[in-house]
Protein backbone atom coordinates (compact mmCIF):
# COMPACT_ATOMS: atom_id res chain seq x y z
CA MET A 1 120.39 88.14 77.18
CA THR A 2 117.60 86.62 79.09
CA GLU A 3 116.90 87.75 82.46
CA PRO A 4 117.21 85.31 85.28
CA ALA A 5 113.80 84.32 86.44
CA ALA A 6 112.62 85.50 89.95
CA HIS A 7 110.03 84.22 92.37
CA PRO A 8 107.02 86.44 92.67
CA ALA A 9 107.54 88.95 95.55
CA PRO A 10 105.90 87.94 98.74
CA VAL A 11 105.57 91.54 99.77
CA ALA A 12 103.62 94.25 97.84
CA ALA A 13 105.78 97.11 97.05
CA GLU A 14 104.15 100.63 96.24
CA VAL A 15 106.55 102.44 93.78
CA VAL A 16 106.51 106.23 93.64
CA ARG A 17 108.81 108.20 91.12
CA ASP A 18 109.21 111.56 92.62
CA ALA A 19 112.01 112.82 90.66
CA ASP A 20 113.31 113.32 87.14
CA GLY A 21 115.97 110.87 85.68
CA TRP A 22 114.54 107.65 87.14
CA PRO A 23 113.11 105.11 84.64
CA ASP A 24 109.28 104.77 84.36
CA GLU A 25 107.34 103.52 87.35
CA ASP A 26 106.67 100.25 85.57
CA VAL A 27 110.40 99.64 85.24
CA LEU A 28 111.01 100.57 88.78
CA GLN A 29 108.15 98.29 90.00
CA ARG A 30 109.86 95.38 88.07
CA ILE A 31 113.28 96.16 89.61
CA SER A 32 111.89 96.42 93.01
CA ASP A 33 109.71 93.34 92.83
CA ARG A 34 112.76 91.12 91.58
CA ALA A 35 114.92 92.72 94.34
CA ILE A 36 112.35 91.89 97.08
CA ALA A 37 111.61 88.35 95.70
CA ALA A 38 115.25 87.38 95.45
CA ALA A 39 116.01 88.60 98.88
CA CYS A 40 112.97 86.54 100.36
CA SER A 41 114.09 83.59 98.35
CA ALA A 42 117.78 83.78 99.45
CA GLY A 43 117.10 84.10 103.11
CA ASP A 44 114.90 82.60 105.65
CA LEU A 45 112.91 85.75 106.10
CA SER A 46 110.03 86.05 108.53
CA LEU A 47 107.28 88.09 106.94
CA PRO A 48 103.84 89.00 108.18
CA GLU A 49 100.78 88.12 106.14
CA ASN A 50 99.84 90.76 103.62
CA ALA A 51 103.21 92.44 103.95
CA GLY A 52 103.64 95.79 102.19
CA LEU A 53 106.07 98.70 101.85
CA ALA A 54 106.56 101.91 99.80
CA ILE A 55 109.40 102.72 97.84
CA LEU A 56 110.16 106.50 97.04
CA PHE A 57 112.51 107.15 94.00
CA ALA A 58 113.61 110.77 94.92
CA ASP A 59 116.35 113.14 94.25
CA ASP A 60 119.32 114.00 96.38
CA ALA A 61 117.73 117.29 97.76
CA ALA A 62 114.79 115.30 99.38
CA VAL A 63 116.97 112.58 100.60
CA ARG A 64 119.44 115.12 102.07
CA ARG A 65 116.42 116.73 103.93
CA LEU A 66 115.23 113.17 105.34
CA ASN A 67 118.84 112.37 106.14
CA ALA A 68 119.25 115.68 108.10
CA GLU A 69 115.88 115.25 109.89
CA PHE A 70 116.03 111.56 110.85
CA ARG A 71 119.67 110.93 111.11
CA ASP A 72 121.35 114.28 111.80
CA GLN A 73 123.48 114.04 108.62
CA ASP A 74 123.13 116.94 106.38
CA LYS A 75 124.14 115.24 103.17
CA PRO A 76 122.39 112.92 100.71
CA THR A 77 122.87 109.08 100.74
CA ASN A 78 122.03 106.57 98.38
CA VAL A 79 119.27 104.68 100.16
CA LEU A 80 117.38 105.33 103.48
CA SER A 81 114.92 102.93 105.27
CA PHE A 82 112.29 103.80 107.68
CA PRO A 83 110.78 100.63 109.34
CA ALA A 84 107.15 100.87 110.46
CA SER A 85 106.36 100.89 114.00
CA GLY A 86 103.46 98.28 114.05
CA ASP A 87 101.38 95.79 112.08
CA GLY A 88 98.13 96.56 110.25
CA GLY A 89 94.85 95.51 111.81
CA PHE A 90 92.89 92.33 111.11
CA GLY A 91 92.54 91.79 107.42
CA GLU A 92 94.82 94.80 106.58
CA ALA A 93 98.26 94.75 105.08
CA SER A 94 101.34 94.81 107.47
CA HIS A 95 103.37 97.87 106.37
CA LEU A 96 106.99 96.88 106.81
CA GLY A 97 108.12 100.54 106.28
CA ASP A 98 109.44 102.96 103.58
CA ILE A 99 112.70 103.12 101.42
CA VAL A 100 113.76 106.26 99.75
CA LEU A 101 116.55 106.32 97.01
CA ALA A 102 118.32 109.35 95.82
CA PHE A 103 118.85 109.69 92.14
CA GLU A 104 121.96 111.81 91.58
CA THR A 105 123.88 109.71 94.28
CA VAL A 106 122.87 106.46 92.96
CA VAL A 107 123.87 107.45 89.35
CA ALA A 108 127.35 108.70 90.70
CA GLU A 109 127.90 105.46 92.72
CA ALA A 110 126.85 103.22 89.59
CA GLU A 111 129.29 105.22 87.47
CA ARG A 112 132.13 105.20 89.85
CA GLY A 113 131.83 101.39 90.30
CA ALA A 114 131.18 100.74 86.61
CA THR A 115 128.12 98.89 87.66
CA PRO A 116 124.93 98.93 85.40
CA PHE A 117 122.51 101.46 86.77
CA GLU A 118 119.69 98.83 87.16
CA HIS A 119 121.98 96.45 89.03
CA HIS A 120 122.85 99.08 91.49
CA VAL A 121 119.20 100.19 91.97
CA THR A 122 118.26 96.45 92.38
CA HIS A 123 121.03 96.24 95.10
CA LEU A 124 119.96 99.42 97.07
CA VAL A 125 116.27 98.40 96.98
CA MET A 126 117.36 94.82 98.40
CA HIS A 127 119.59 96.69 100.90
CA GLY A 128 116.77 99.00 102.06
CA PHE A 129 114.29 96.05 102.19
CA LEU A 130 116.57 93.97 104.42
CA HIS A 131 116.89 97.16 106.66
CA LEU A 132 113.06 97.07 107.11
CA LEU A 133 113.28 93.54 108.27
CA GLY A 134 115.87 94.36 110.99
CA TYR A 135 119.13 93.61 109.21
CA ASP A 136 122.07 96.08 109.78
CA HIS A 137 125.62 96.67 109.39
CA MET A 138 126.68 98.50 112.35
CA ASP A 139 129.38 95.96 113.48
CA ASP A 140 131.30 93.56 111.41
CA GLU A 141 129.23 90.60 112.25
CA GLU A 142 126.03 92.15 111.34
CA ALA A 143 127.62 93.44 108.18
CA GLN A 144 128.72 89.92 107.16
CA VAL A 145 125.28 88.48 107.53
CA MET A 146 123.64 91.14 105.58
CA GLU A 147 126.22 91.20 102.89
CA ARG A 148 126.09 87.45 102.49
CA LEU A 149 122.47 87.59 102.22
CA GLU A 150 122.61 90.47 99.62
CA THR A 151 125.34 88.67 97.67
CA LEU A 152 123.50 85.26 97.37
CA ALA A 153 120.14 87.05 96.43
CA LEU A 154 121.76 89.17 93.79
CA SER A 155 123.62 86.26 92.24
CA GLU A 156 120.16 84.57 91.90
CA LEU A 157 119.46 87.46 89.64
CA GLY A 158 122.71 87.43 87.69
CA ILE A 159 124.13 90.35 89.41
CA ALA A 160 127.81 90.64 90.53
CA ASP A 161 128.74 90.96 94.10
CA PRO A 162 128.54 94.58 95.09
CA TYR A 163 131.02 94.06 97.89
CA ALA A 164 133.76 92.68 95.82
CA GLU A 165 136.81 95.03 95.23
CA ASP A 166 135.34 96.39 92.03
CA GLY A 167 131.61 96.64 93.52
CA VAL A 168 129.81 99.62 94.91
CA ALA A 169 128.10 98.80 98.32
CA GLY A 170 124.85 100.11 99.78
CA GLY A 171 124.67 102.63 102.55
């Protein structure tokens, strides 16, 4: 099966693999670039020039600590997003923020939803990226907007709707 083409990512993603189990960094980079490019292609996203972000592929223990410290929730979650508080200076990249994924939780969700692991990771990277851009799902209206954008972007990549009855949604 041929992989659907994706547009080049207009955002530079720095990928860090910090836990066992994740695919190699080159695979994670490809997944991340495709997810970000598809999200940008599917929506009318306003991005600063030279935009960049970091994606940490961690384990449940690391995400649990971050979730407890920053969200007062002492448990792991699939993805956390930390939007940056400012732009880079003249000629510097504008750091959008950081995304962190928890390996064991992501694996369990993919298995529970019978979703290919790479598809679920793609969705969660995209979900985290949209959070960095200010999208949220705190109420039904926000959730509909965000889910519609994710579904459209994922369909461009040949990935099924994660919000359908048999899908696994992001956190």
